[in-house]
Amino acid sequence: MKIAFPGRRSDNLEDVRGGGGAGGGFGLPIGIGAGLGVPGLIVTLLLAFVFGGNPFGGGGGGFSPNSPFQQFPRADQVPAGQPIPASLDPNANTVDFVSFVLDDVQGSWARSFAAAGKTYQPAKLVLFSDAVASGCGEASAATGPFYCPLDQHVYLDIAFFQELAQRFGAPGDFAQAYVIAHELGHHVQQLTGIGGSVQKEQQARPDEGSALSVRLELQADCLAGVWGYTAGQRGLLEPGDVEEGLAAAASVGDDRIQRAATGRVDPETWTHGSADQRSAWFRRGFERGDAAQCNTFSGDI
């Protein structure tokens, strides 16, 4: 993936690496995962995406989780904003890349919101190492990338990218971009009231909580794909980028995680969807470039 403005850091990027420790974090069942004999790398991925959703969402009136996107134009009908300079920095470090993707994803959504007559409130992305204190509580690096709706921040330990590439078979910068775009997809869900509506439904129908979580996560995958479409329209993608994104989405499927961890697959316990589902919804968003097509809450998934 091509990037511009090497060395320029986003106003919405906060770098707190080495800034102190934190404790147990969100009440996540890290001990349970370890007790099942799950290797550390599997625990990292499991916690990264099983709890990377929107468990604390607020607001929302009634359960119509896709309706906000009906007001959004297709991505190719939204003004592209300022052109990106042709000069590129092939040696740009990971922080520069994260900063660029953060601004690009949010710039794309800001234009879509404006075209729908709405105002996009940007999220902050916090880079941390080892542990971090968030608005949702304290978390260790084992939590992986996550979005906290209470402070509207994305939290990322960039060491996760090495795990993603070397141990989960999803290398490449666009695989990394997918992770960021997925988490910012949860921010879009929060701003449109989808996250809050889903939380209320989960509280009202706890027996369907996991199924609703799967649909929420698959929608975030689709929204990440919509951004990928805009990146392609603006000439930011390189050969192999789409495949990297699809591989990353598939690598975090619940079935792959469970099979690697225990040798068994139990769809009743899924919270994010299978490898095929995740890659299919990312592809859907990427190919259609239309957030209104990301209605994972209707029909089969």
C-alpha atoms as a PDB file:
ATOM      1  CA  MET A   1       0.000   0.000   0.000  1.00  0.00           C
ATOM      2  CA  LYS A   2       1.287   3.409  -0.953  1.00  0.00           C
ATOM      3  CA  ILE A   3       1.502   6.090   1.709  1.00  0.00           C
ATOM      4  CA  ALA A   4       2.089   9.808   1.601  1.00  0.00           C
ATOM      5  CA  PHE A   5       3.475  12.364   4.026  1.00  0.00           C
ATOM      6  CA  PRO A   6       6.202  10.182   5.610  1.00  0.00           C
ATOM      7  CA  GLY A   7       7.182  11.435   9.033  1.00  0.00           C
ATOM      8  CA  ARG A   8       3.958  13.382   9.497  1.00  0.00           C
ATOM      9  CA  ARG A   9       2.023  12.259  12.543  1.00  0.00           C
ATOM     10  CA  SER A  10      -1.731  12.446  12.791  1.00  0.00           C
ATOM     11  CA  ASP A  11      -3.295  14.824  15.279  1.00  0.00           C
ATOM     12  CA  ASN A  12      -5.433  11.850  16.331  1.00  0.00           C
ATOM     13  CA  LEU A  13      -2.462   9.596  17.110  1.00  0.00           C
ATOM     14  CA  GLU A  14      -1.306   9.277  20.692  1.00  0.00           C
ATOM     15  CA  ASP A  15       1.927   7.414  21.357  1.00  0.00           C
ATOM     16  CA  VAL A  16       2.177   6.240  24.959  1.00  0.00           C
ATOM     17  CA  ARG A  17       4.574   3.336  24.436  1.00  0.00           C
ATOM     18  CA  GLY A  18       6.701   2.835  27.506  1.00  0.00           C
ATOM     19  CA  GLY A  19       4.417   5.075  29.507  1.00  0.00           C
ATOM     20  CA  GLY A  20       3.661   2.710  32.350  1.00  0.00           C
ATOM     21  CA  GLY A  21       1.881  -0.514  33.167  1.00  0.00           C
ATOM     22  CA  ALA A  22      -1.641  -1.630  33.730  1.00  0.00           C
ATOM     23  CA  GLY A  23      -3.316  -4.569  35.359  1.00  0.00           C
ATOM     24  CA  GLY A  24      -5.777  -7.298  34.489  1.00  0.00           C
ATOM     25  CA  GLY A  25      -7.861  -5.534  31.894  1.00  0.00           C
ATOM     26  CA  PHE A  26     -11.622  -5.732  31.199  1.00  0.00           C
ATOM     27  CA  GLY A  27     -12.115  -8.957  33.119  1.00  0.00           C
ATOM     28  CA  LEU A  28     -11.085 -10.885  29.996  1.00  0.00           C
ATOM     29  CA  PRO A  29     -10.726 -14.638  30.533  1.00  0.00           C
ATOM     30  CA  ILE A  30      -6.998 -14.748  29.907  1.00  0.00           C
ATOM     31  CA  GLY A  31      -6.581 -17.328  32.614  1.00  0.00           C
ATOM     32  CA  ILE A  32      -9.294 -19.498  31.087  1.00  0.00           C
ATOM     33  CA  GLY A  33      -7.587 -19.398  27.707  1.00  0.00           C
ATOM     34  CA  ALA A  34      -4.287 -20.385  29.253  1.00  0.00           C
ATOM     35  CA  GLY A  35      -5.981 -23.121  31.239  1.00  0.00           C
ATOM     36  CA  LEU A  36      -7.198 -24.705  28.030  1.00  0.00           C
ATOM     37  CA  GLY A  37      -3.634 -25.076  26.913  1.00  0.00           C
ATOM     38  CA  VAL A  38      -3.908 -22.385  24.266  1.00  0.00           C
ATOM     39  CA  PRO A  39      -0.463 -21.243  23.102  1.00  0.00           C
ATOM     40  CA  GLY A  40       0.402 -17.625  23.802  1.00  0.00           C
ATOM     41  CA  LEU A  41       0.101 -16.608  20.191  1.00  0.00           C
ATOM     42  CA  ILE A  42      -3.417 -18.054  19.977  1.00  0.00           C
ATOM     43  CA  VAL A  43      -4.420 -16.250  23.161  1.00  0.00           C
ATOM     44  CA  THR A  44      -3.121 -13.027  21.624  1.00  0.00           C
ATOM     45  CA  LEU A  45      -5.244 -13.436  18.520  1.00  0.00           C
ATOM     46  CA  LEU A  46      -8.291 -14.749  20.325  1.00  0.00           C
ATOM     47  CA  LEU A  47      -8.392 -11.832  22.719  1.00  0.00           C
ATOM     48  CA  ALA A  48      -7.457  -9.377  20.008  1.00  0.00           C
ATOM     49  CA  PHE A  49     -10.558  -9.999  17.972  1.00  0.00           C
ATOM     50  CA  VAL A  50     -13.013 -11.779  20.233  1.00  0.00           C
ATOM     51  CA  PHE A  51     -13.027  -8.726  22.486  1.00  0.00           C
ATOM     52  CA  GLY A  52     -12.242  -6.134  19.861  1.00  0.00           C
ATOM     53  CA  GLY A  53     -15.870  -5.231  19.304  1.00  0.00           C
ATOM     54  CA  ASN A  54     -18.259  -2.864  20.965  1.00  0.00           C
ATOM     55  CA  PRO A  55     -19.340  -4.399  24.294  1.00  0.00           C
ATOM     56  CA  PHE A  56     -19.950  -1.051  25.998  1.00  0.00           C
ATOM     57  CA  GLY A  57     -21.901   0.791  23.300  1.00  0.00           C
ATOM     58  CA  GLY A  58     -24.463   3.375  24.349  1.00  0.00           C
ATOM     59  CA  GLY A  59     -27.481   5.126  22.958  1.00  0.00           C
ATOM     60  CA  GLY A  60     -29.514   3.959  20.030  1.00  0.00           C
ATOM     61  CA  GLY A  61     -33.236   4.101  19.682  1.00  0.00           C
ATOM     62  CA  GLY A  62     -34.771   0.859  18.455  1.00  0.00           C
ATOM     63  CA  PHE A  63     -33.054  -1.956  16.622  1.00  0.00           C
ATOM     64  CA  SER A  64     -32.511  -0.861  13.045  1.00  0.00           C
ATOM     65  CA  PRO A  65     -28.749  -1.337  12.828  1.00  0.00           C
ATOM     66  CA  ASN A  66     -28.302  -0.839   9.111  1.00  0.00           C
ATOM     67  CA  SER A  67     -30.672   2.090   8.565  1.00  0.00           C
ATOM     68  CA  PRO A  68     -28.061   4.867   9.077  1.00  0.00           C
ATOM     69  CA  PHE A  69     -26.150   3.700   6.020  1.00  0.00           C
ATOM     70  CA  GLN A  70     -29.154   4.072   3.729  1.00  0.00           C
ATOM     71  CA  GLN A  71     -28.393   7.807   3.766  1.00  0.00           C
ATOM     72  CA  PHE A  72     -24.791   7.318   2.692  1.00  0.00           C
ATOM     73  CA  PRO A  73     -23.802   7.634  -0.967  1.00  0.00           C
ATOM     74  CA  ARG A  74     -21.666   5.073  -2.695  1.00  0.00           C
ATOM     75  CA  ALA A  75     -17.970   5.625  -2.064  1.00  0.00           C
ATOM     76  CA  ASP A  76     -17.348   6.665  -5.663  1.00  0.00           C
ATOM     77  CA  GLN A  77     -19.947   9.436  -5.303  1.00  0.00           C
ATOM     78  CA  VAL A  78     -18.093  11.094  -2.429  1.00  0.00           C
ATOM     79  CA  PRO A  79     -15.539  13.876  -3.109  1.00  0.00           C
ATOM     80  CA  ALA A  80     -12.017  12.567  -2.782  1.00  0.00           C
ATOM     81  CA  GLY A  81     -10.649  15.543  -0.842  1.00  0.00           C
ATOM     82  CA  GLN A  82      -7.095  16.754  -1.225  1.00  0.00           C
ATOM     83  CA  PRO A  83      -4.920  14.800  -3.669  1.00  0.00           C
ATOM     84  CA  ILE A  84      -2.202  12.691  -2.149  1.00  0.00           C
ATOM     85  CA  PRO A  85       1.343  13.616  -3.246  1.00  0.00           C
ATOM     86  CA  ALA A  86       3.070  11.133  -5.516  1.00  0.00           C
ATOM     87  CA  SER A  87       6.219  11.067  -3.402  1.00  0.00           C
ATOM     88  CA  LEU A  88       6.404   7.936  -1.287  1.00  0.00           C
ATOM     89  CA  ASP A  89       8.708   6.757   1.425  1.00  0.00           C
ATOM     90  CA  PRO A  90       9.431   3.013   1.063  1.00  0.00           C
ATOM     91  CA  ASN A  91      11.285   3.092   4.369  1.00  0.00           C
ATOM     92  CA  ALA A  92       8.464   4.619   6.351  1.00  0.00           C
ATOM     93  CA  ASN A  93       8.290   2.958   9.749  1.00  0.00           C
ATOM     94  CA  THR A  94       5.257   1.286  11.220  1.00  0.00           C
ATOM     95  CA  VAL A  95       4.194   4.317  13.230  1.00  0.00           C
ATOM     96  CA  ASP A  96       4.189   6.470  10.114  1.00  0.00           C
ATOM     97  CA  PHE A  97       2.097   3.843   8.367  1.00  0.00           C
ATOM     98  CA  VAL A  98      -0.391   3.583  11.227  1.00  0.00           C
ATOM     99  CA  SER A  99      -0.657   7.373  11.310  1.00  0.00           C
ATOM    100  CA  PHE A 100      -1.304   7.572   7.589  1.00  0.00           C
ATOM    101  CA  VAL A 101      -3.918   4.798   7.584  1.00  0.00           C
ATOM    102  CA  LEU A 102      -5.627   6.338  10.610  1.00  0.00           C
ATOM    103  CA  ASP A 103      -6.040   9.672   8.839  1.00  0.00           C
ATOM    104  CA  ASP A 104      -6.958   8.100   5.524  1.00  0.00           C
ATOM    105  CA  VAL A 105      -9.670   5.852   6.941  1.00  0.00           C
ATOM    106  CA  GLN A 106     -11.138   8.662   9.022  1.00  0.00           C
ATOM    107  CA  GLY A 107     -10.892  11.151   6.176  1.00  0.00           C
ATOM    108  CA  SER A 108     -12.851   8.777   3.985  1.00  0.00           C
ATOM    109  CA  TRP A 109     -15.579   8.349   6.591  1.00  0.00           C
ATOM    110  CA  ALA A 110     -15.684  12.084   7.288  1.00  0.00           C
ATOM    111  CA  ARG A 111     -16.458  12.714   3.606  1.00  0.00           C
ATOM    112  CA  SER A 112     -19.123  10.009   3.599  1.00  0.00           C
ATOM    113  CA  PHE A 113     -20.746  11.419   6.728  1.00  0.00           C
ATOM    114  CA  ALA A 114     -20.698  14.932   5.247  1.00  0.00           C
ATOM    115  CA  ALA A 115     -22.286  13.688   2.031  1.00  0.00           C
ATOM    116  CA  ALA A 116     -25.048  12.149   4.177  1.00  0.00           C
ATOM    117  CA  GLY A 117     -25.555  15.435   6.033  1.00  0.00           C
ATOM    118  CA  LYS A 118     -23.845  14.196   9.177  1.00  0.00           C
ATOM    119  CA  THR A 119     -20.722  15.143  11.113  1.00  0.00           C
ATOM    120  CA  TYR A 120     -17.980  12.625  11.720  1.00  0.00           C
ATOM    121  CA  GLN A 121     -16.263  12.848  15.093  1.00  0.00           C
ATOM    122  CA  PRO A 122     -12.789  11.316  14.730  1.00  0.00           C
ATOM    123  CA  ALA A 123     -11.530   8.629  17.031  1.00  0.00           C
ATOM    124  CA  LYS A 124      -8.116   8.720  18.667  1.00  0.00           C
ATOM    125  CA  LEU A 125      -5.675   5.859  18.142  1.00  0.00           C
ATOM    126  CA  VAL A 126      -3.393   5.104  21.061  1.00  0.00           C
ATOM    127  CA  LEU A 127      -0.159   3.224  20.464  1.00  0.00           C
ATOM    128  CA  PHE A 128       0.973   1.371  23.552  1.00  0.00           C
ATOM    129  CA  SER A 129       3.282  -1.416  24.610  1.00  0.00           C
ATOM    130  CA  ASP A 130       2.827  -4.005  27.340  1.00  0.00           C
ATOM    131  CA  ALA A 131      -0.230  -2.423  28.980  1.00  0.00           C
ATOM    132  CA  VAL A 132      -2.533   0.571  28.809  1.00  0.00           C
ATOM    133  CA  ALA A 133      -5.281   2.291  30.796  1.00  0.00           C
ATOM    134  CA  SER A 134      -8.292   3.016  28.594  1.00  0.00           C
ATOM    135  CA  GLY A 135     -11.694   4.535  29.156  1.00  0.00           C
ATOM    136  CA  CYS A 136     -13.046   0.978  29.334  1.00  0.00           C
ATOM    137  CA  GLY A 137     -10.523  -0.161  31.922  1.00  0.00           C
ATOM    138  CA  GLU A 138      -6.997  -1.483  31.984  1.00  0.00           C
ATOM    139  CA  ALA A 139      -5.686  -3.928  29.400  1.00  0.00           C
ATOM    140  CA  SER A 140      -2.474  -5.793  28.697  1.00  0.00           C
ATOM    141  CA  ALA A 141      -0.913  -6.229  25.291  1.00  0.00           C
ATOM    142  CA  ALA A 142      -2.477  -9.714  25.180  1.00  0.00           C
ATOM    143  CA  THR A 143      -5.836  -8.007  24.686  1.00  0.00           C
ATOM    144  CA  GLY A 144      -4.727  -7.067  21.196  1.00  0.00           C
ATOM    145  CA  PRO A 145      -6.192  -4.217  19.134  1.00  0.00           C
ATOM    146  CA  PHE A 146      -9.511  -2.971  20.491  1.00  0.00           C
ATOM    147  CA  TYR A 147     -11.951  -0.098  20.321  1.00  0.00           C
ATOM    148  CA  CYS A 148     -13.351   1.481  23.482  1.00  0.00           C
ATOM    149  CA  PRO A 149     -16.659   3.277  22.838  1.00  0.00           C
ATOM    150  CA  LEU A 150     -16.563   5.000  26.222  1.00  0.00           C
ATOM    151  CA  ASP A 151     -13.625   7.187  25.195  1.00  0.00           C
ATOM    152  CA  GLN A 152     -13.901   6.586  21.427  1.00  0.00           C
ATOM    153  CA  HIS A 153     -10.285   5.465  21.202  1.00  0.00           C
ATOM    154  CA  VAL A 154      -8.667   2.596  19.322  1.00  0.00           C
ATOM    155  CA  TYR A 155      -5.835   0.917  21.219  1.00  0.00           C
ATOM    156  CA  LEU A 156      -3.019  -0.858  19.415  1.00  0.00           C
ATOM    157  CA  ASP A 157       0.239  -2.481  20.409  1.00  0.00           C
ATOM    158  CA  ILE A 158       2.097  -2.571  17.101  1.00  0.00           C
ATOM    159  CA  ALA A 159       3.869  -5.766  18.166  1.00  0.00           C
ATOM    160  CA  PHE A 160       0.584  -7.418  17.192  1.00  0.00           C
ATOM    161  CA  PHE A 161       1.479  -6.866  13.537  1.00  0.00           C
ATOM    162  CA  GLN A 162       4.494  -9.140  13.917  1.00  0.00           C
ATOM    163  CA  GLU A 163       2.286 -11.864  15.353  1.00  0.00           C
ATOM    164  CA  LEU A 164      -0.197 -11.344  12.528  1.00  0.00           C
ATOM    165  CA  ALA A 165       2.510 -11.773   9.901  1.00  0.00           C
ATOM    166  CA  GLN A 166       4.796 -14.430  11.335  1.00  0.00           C
ATOM    167  CA  ARG A 167       2.473 -16.680  13.265  1.00  0.00           C
ATOM    168  CA  PHE A 168      -0.925 -16.212  11.720  1.00  0.00           C
ATOM    169  CA  GLY A 169       0.185 -16.156   8.124  1.00  0.00           C
ATOM    170  CA  ALA A 170      -1.164 -12.704   7.266  1.00  0.00           C
ATOM    171  CA  PRO A 171       1.829 -10.554   6.296  1.00  0.00           C
ATOM    172  CA  GLY A 172       1.824  -7.260   4.448  1.00  0.00           C
ATOM    173  CA  ASP A 173       1.035  -3.641   5.110  1.00  0.00           C
ATOM    174  CA  PHE A 174      -2.527  -3.916   3.844  1.00  0.00           C
ATOM    175  CA  ALA A 175      -3.149  -6.692   6.363  1.00  0.00           C
ATOM    176  CA  GLN A 176      -2.118  -4.154   9.001  1.00  0.00           C
ATOM    177  CA  ALA A 177      -4.358  -1.535   7.423  1.00  0.00           C
ATOM    178  CA  TYR A 178      -7.274  -3.968   7.616  1.00  0.00           C
ATOM    179  CA  VAL A 179      -6.815  -4.261  11.394  1.00  0.00           C
ATOM    180  CA  ILE A 180      -6.947  -0.468  11.802  1.00  0.00           C
ATOM    181  CA  ALA A 181      -9.892  -0.071   9.426  1.00  0.00           C
ATOM    182  CA  HIS A 182     -11.801  -2.835  11.229  1.00  0.00           C
ATOM    183  CA  GLU A 183     -11.425  -1.134  14.599  1.00  0.00           C
ATOM    184  CA  LEU A 184     -12.448   2.209  13.114  1.00  0.00           C
ATOM    185  CA  GLY A 185     -15.444   0.408  11.652  1.00  0.00           C
ATOM    186  CA  HIS A 186     -16.548  -0.111  15.253  1.00  0.00           C
ATOM    187  CA  HIS A 187     -16.217   3.647  15.753  1.00  0.00           C
ATOM    188  CA  VAL A 188     -18.507   4.236  12.775  1.00  0.00           C
ATOM    189  CA  GLN A 189     -20.980   1.792  14.323  1.00  0.00           C
ATOM    190  CA  GLN A 190     -20.806   3.731  17.569  1.00  0.00           C
ATOM    191  CA  LEU A 191     -21.386   7.099  15.888  1.00  0.00           C
ATOM    192  CA  THR A 192     -24.374   5.823  13.931  1.00  0.00           C
ATOM    193  CA  GLY A 193     -25.973   4.165  16.979  1.00  0.00           C
ATOM    194  CA  ILE A 194     -25.535   0.630  15.665  1.00  0.00           C
ATOM    195  CA  GLY A 195     -23.282  -0.439  18.532  1.00  0.00           C
ATOM    196  CA  GLY A 196     -25.724   0.816  21.135  1.00  0.00           C
ATOM    197  CA  SER A 197     -28.675  -0.846  19.406  1.00  0.00           C
ATOM    198  CA  VAL A 198     -26.870  -4.170  19.329  1.00  0.00           C
ATOM    199  CA  GLN A 199     -25.937  -3.905  22.987  1.00  0.00           C
ATOM    200  CA  LYS A 200     -29.549  -3.253  23.950  1.00  0.00           C
ATOM    201  CA  GLU A 201     -30.659  -6.273  21.914  1.00  0.00           C
ATOM    202  CA  GLN A 202     -28.019  -8.418  23.571  1.00  0.00           C
ATOM    203  CA  GLN A 203     -29.301  -7.350  26.967  1.00  0.00           C
ATOM    204  CA  ALA A 204     -32.891  -8.044  25.974  1.00  0.00           C
ATOM    205  CA  ARG A 205     -32.081 -11.358  24.294  1.00  0.00           C
ATOM    206  CA  PRO A 206     -28.971 -12.769  26.000  1.00  0.00           C
ATOM    207  CA  ASP A 207     -29.423 -16.127  24.279  1.00  0.00           C
ATOM    208  CA  GLU A 208     -28.711 -14.369  20.988  1.00  0.00           C
ATOM    209  CA  GLY A 209     -25.777 -12.317  22.271  1.00  0.00           C
ATOM    210  CA  SER A 210     -23.082 -14.282  20.460  1.00  0.00           C
ATOM    211  CA  ALA A 211     -24.989 -14.312  17.181  1.00  0.00           C
ATOM    212  CA  LEU A 212     -25.471 -10.546  17.356  1.00  0.00           C
ATOM    213  CA  SER A 213     -21.782 -10.093  18.140  1.00  0.00           C
ATOM    214  CA  VAL A 214     -20.896 -12.071  15.011  1.00  0.00           C
ATOM    215  CA  ARG A 215     -23.103  -9.826  12.886  1.00  0.00           C
ATOM    216  CA  LEU A 216     -21.583  -6.703  14.459  1.00  0.00           C
ATOM    217  CA  GLU A 217     -18.055  -7.899  13.745  1.00  0.00           C
ATOM    218  CA  LEU A 218     -18.826  -8.940  10.184  1.00  0.00           C
ATOM    219  CA  GLN A 219     -20.286  -5.506   9.550  1.00  0.00           C
ATOM    220  CA  ALA A 220     -17.035  -3.929  10.791  1.00  0.00           C
ATOM    221  CA  ASP A 221     -15.199  -6.170   8.322  1.00  0.00           C
ATOM    222  CA  CYS A 222     -17.471  -4.967   5.535  1.00  0.00           C
ATOM    223  CA  LEU A 223     -16.952  -1.327   6.530  1.00  0.00           C
ATOM    224  CA  ALA A 224     -13.198  -1.932   6.438  1.00  0.00           C
ATOM    225  CA  GLY A 225     -13.707  -3.201   2.904  1.00  0.00           C
ATOM    226  CA  VAL A 226     -15.629  -0.055   1.944  1.00  0.00           C
ATOM    227  CA  TRP A 227     -12.628   2.010   2.987  1.00  0.00           C
ATOM    228  CA  GLY A 228     -10.404  -0.358   0.993  1.00  0.00           C
ATOM    229  CA  TYR A 229     -12.543   0.413  -2.046  1.00  0.00           C
ATOM    230  CA  THR A 230     -11.940   4.140  -1.604  1.00  0.00           C
ATOM    231  CA  ALA A 231      -8.212   3.528  -1.211  1.00  0.00           C
ATOM    232  CA  GLY A 232      -8.225   1.666  -4.503  1.00  0.00           C
ATOM    233  CA  GLN A 233     -10.143   4.448  -6.213  1.00  0.00           C
ATOM    234  CA  ARG A 234      -7.488   6.910  -5.070  1.00  0.00           C
ATOM    235  CA  GLY A 235      -4.616   4.803  -6.357  1.00  0.00           C
ATOM    236  CA  LEU A 236      -3.244   3.805  -2.960  1.00  0.00           C
ATOM    237  CA  LEU A 237      -3.339   0.049  -3.473  1.00  0.00           C
ATOM    238  CA  GLU A 238      -0.587  -2.072  -4.923  1.00  0.00           C
ATOM    239  CA  PRO A 239      -0.686  -5.569  -6.448  1.00  0.00           C
ATOM    240  CA  GLY A 240      -1.409  -8.126  -3.736  1.00  0.00           C
ATOM    241  CA  ASP A 241      -2.960  -5.680  -1.272  1.00  0.00           C
ATOM    242  CA  VAL A 242      -6.476  -7.067  -1.634  1.00  0.00           C
ATOM    243  CA  GLU A 243      -5.208 -10.588  -1.086  1.00  0.00           C
ATOM    244  CA  GLU A 244      -3.384  -9.418   2.043  1.00  0.00           C
ATOM    245  CA  GLY A 245      -6.603  -7.943   3.417  1.00  0.00           C
ATOM    246  CA  LEU A 246      -8.589 -11.084   2.636  1.00  0.00           C
ATOM    247  CA  ALA A 247      -5.914 -13.252   4.239  1.00  0.00           C
ATOM    248  CA  ALA A 248      -5.929 -11.121   7.369  1.00  0.00           C
ATOM    249  CA  ALA A 249      -9.714 -11.276   7.648  1.00  0.00           C
ATOM    250  CA  ALA A 250      -9.702 -15.057   7.189  1.00  0.00           C
ATOM    251  CA  SER A 251      -6.831 -15.565   9.638  1.00  0.00           C
ATOM    252  CA  VAL A 252      -8.954 -14.264  12.514  1.00  0.00           C
ATOM    253  CA  GLY A 253     -11.990 -16.422  11.824  1.00  0.00           C
ATOM    254  CA  ASP A 254     -13.382 -18.102  14.923  1.00  0.00           C
ATOM    255  CA  ASP A 255     -13.151 -21.532  13.311  1.00  0.00           C
ATOM    256  CA  ARG A 256      -9.438 -21.162  12.600  1.00  0.00           C
ATOM    257  CA  ILE A 257      -8.758 -19.842  16.080  1.00  0.00           C
ATOM    258  CA  GLN A 258     -10.690 -22.654  17.753  1.00  0.00           C
ATOM    259  CA  ARG A 259      -9.163 -25.367  15.596  1.00  0.00           C
ATOM    260  CA  ALA A 260      -5.650 -24.126  16.321  1.00  0.00           C
ATOM    261  CA  ALA A 261      -6.376 -23.793  20.033  1.00  0.00           C
ATOM    262  CA  THR A 262      -8.301 -26.977  20.764  1.00  0.00           C
ATOM    263  CA  GLY A 263      -8.564 -29.009  17.562  1.00  0.00           C
ATOM    264  CA  ARG A 264     -12.341 -28.536  17.651  1.00  0.00           C
ATOM    265  CA  VAL A 265     -14.793 -26.048  16.157  1.00  0.00           C
ATOM    266  CA  ASP A 266     -17.947 -24.944  17.993  1.00  0.00           C
ATOM    267  CA  PRO A 267     -20.027 -22.429  15.975  1.00  0.00           C
ATOM    268  CA  GLU A 268     -22.343 -21.883  18.958  1.00  0.00           C
ATOM    269  CA  THR A 269     -19.567 -20.032  20.755  1.00  0.00           C
ATOM    270  CA  TRP A 270     -18.439 -17.835  17.873  1.00  0.00           C
ATOM    271  CA  THR A 271     -18.383 -14.084  18.395  1.00  0.00           C
ATOM    272  CA  HIS A 272     -16.715 -12.893  15.180  1.00  0.00           C
ATOM    273  CA  GLY A 273     -17.618 -15.364  12.448  1.00  0.00           C
ATOM    274  CA  SER A 274     -15.790 -17.959  10.430  1.00  0.00           C
ATOM    275  CA  ALA A 275     -12.791 -17.351   8.201  1.00  0.00           C
ATOM    276  CA  ASP A 276     -15.019 -17.614   5.129  1.00  0.00           C
ATOM    277  CA  GLN A 277     -17.581 -15.192   6.563  1.00  0.00           C
ATOM    278  CA  ARG A 278     -15.016 -12.597   7.560  1.00  0.00           C
ATOM    279  CA  SER A 279     -13.217 -12.611   4.239  1.00  0.00           C
ATOM    280  CA  ALA A 280     -16.540 -12.657   2.342  1.00  0.00           C
ATOM    281  CA  TRP A 281     -17.868  -9.566   4.109  1.00  0.00           C
ATOM    282  CA  PHE A 282     -14.582  -7.733   3.708  1.00  0.00           C
ATOM    283  CA  ARG A 283     -14.694  -8.584  -0.004  1.00  0.00           C
ATOM    284  CA  ARG A 284     -18.316  -7.433  -0.224  1.00  0.00           C
ATOM    285  CA  GLY A 285     -17.435  -4.004   1.128  1.00  0.00           C
ATOM    286  CA  PHE A 286     -14.347  -3.787  -1.038  1.00  0.00           C
ATOM    287  CA  GLU A 287     -16.130  -4.719  -4.249  1.00  0.00           C
ATOM    288  CA  ARG A 288     -19.269  -2.629  -3.736  1.00  0.00           C
ATOM    289  CA  GLY A 289     -17.879   0.441  -1.991  1.00  0.00           C
ATOM    290  CA  ASP A 290     -21.264   1.042  -0.409  1.00  0.00           C
ATOM    291  CA  ALA A 291     -21.869   0.993   3.344  1.00  0.00           C
ATOM    292  CA  ALA A 292     -25.570   0.335   2.729  1.00  0.00           C
ATOM    293  CA  GLN A 293     -24.526  -3.075   1.417  1.00  0.00           C
ATOM    294  CA  CYS A 294     -23.028  -3.949   4.798  1.00  0.00           C
ATOM    295  CA  ASN A 295     -26.302  -5.041   6.357  1.00  0.00           C
ATOM    296  CA  THR A 296     -25.190  -8.111   8.257  1.00  0.00           C
ATOM    297  CA  PHE A 297     -28.296  -7.922  10.441  1.00  0.00           C
ATOM    298  CA  SER A 298     -30.699  -9.153   7.792  1.00  0.00           C
ATOM    299  CA  GLY A 299     -30.833 -12.640   6.322  1.00  0.00           C
ATOM    300  CA  ASP A 300     -28.082 -15.188   6.201  1.00  0.00           C
ATOM    301  CA  ILE A 301     -24.451 -14.297   6.783  1.00  0.00           C
END
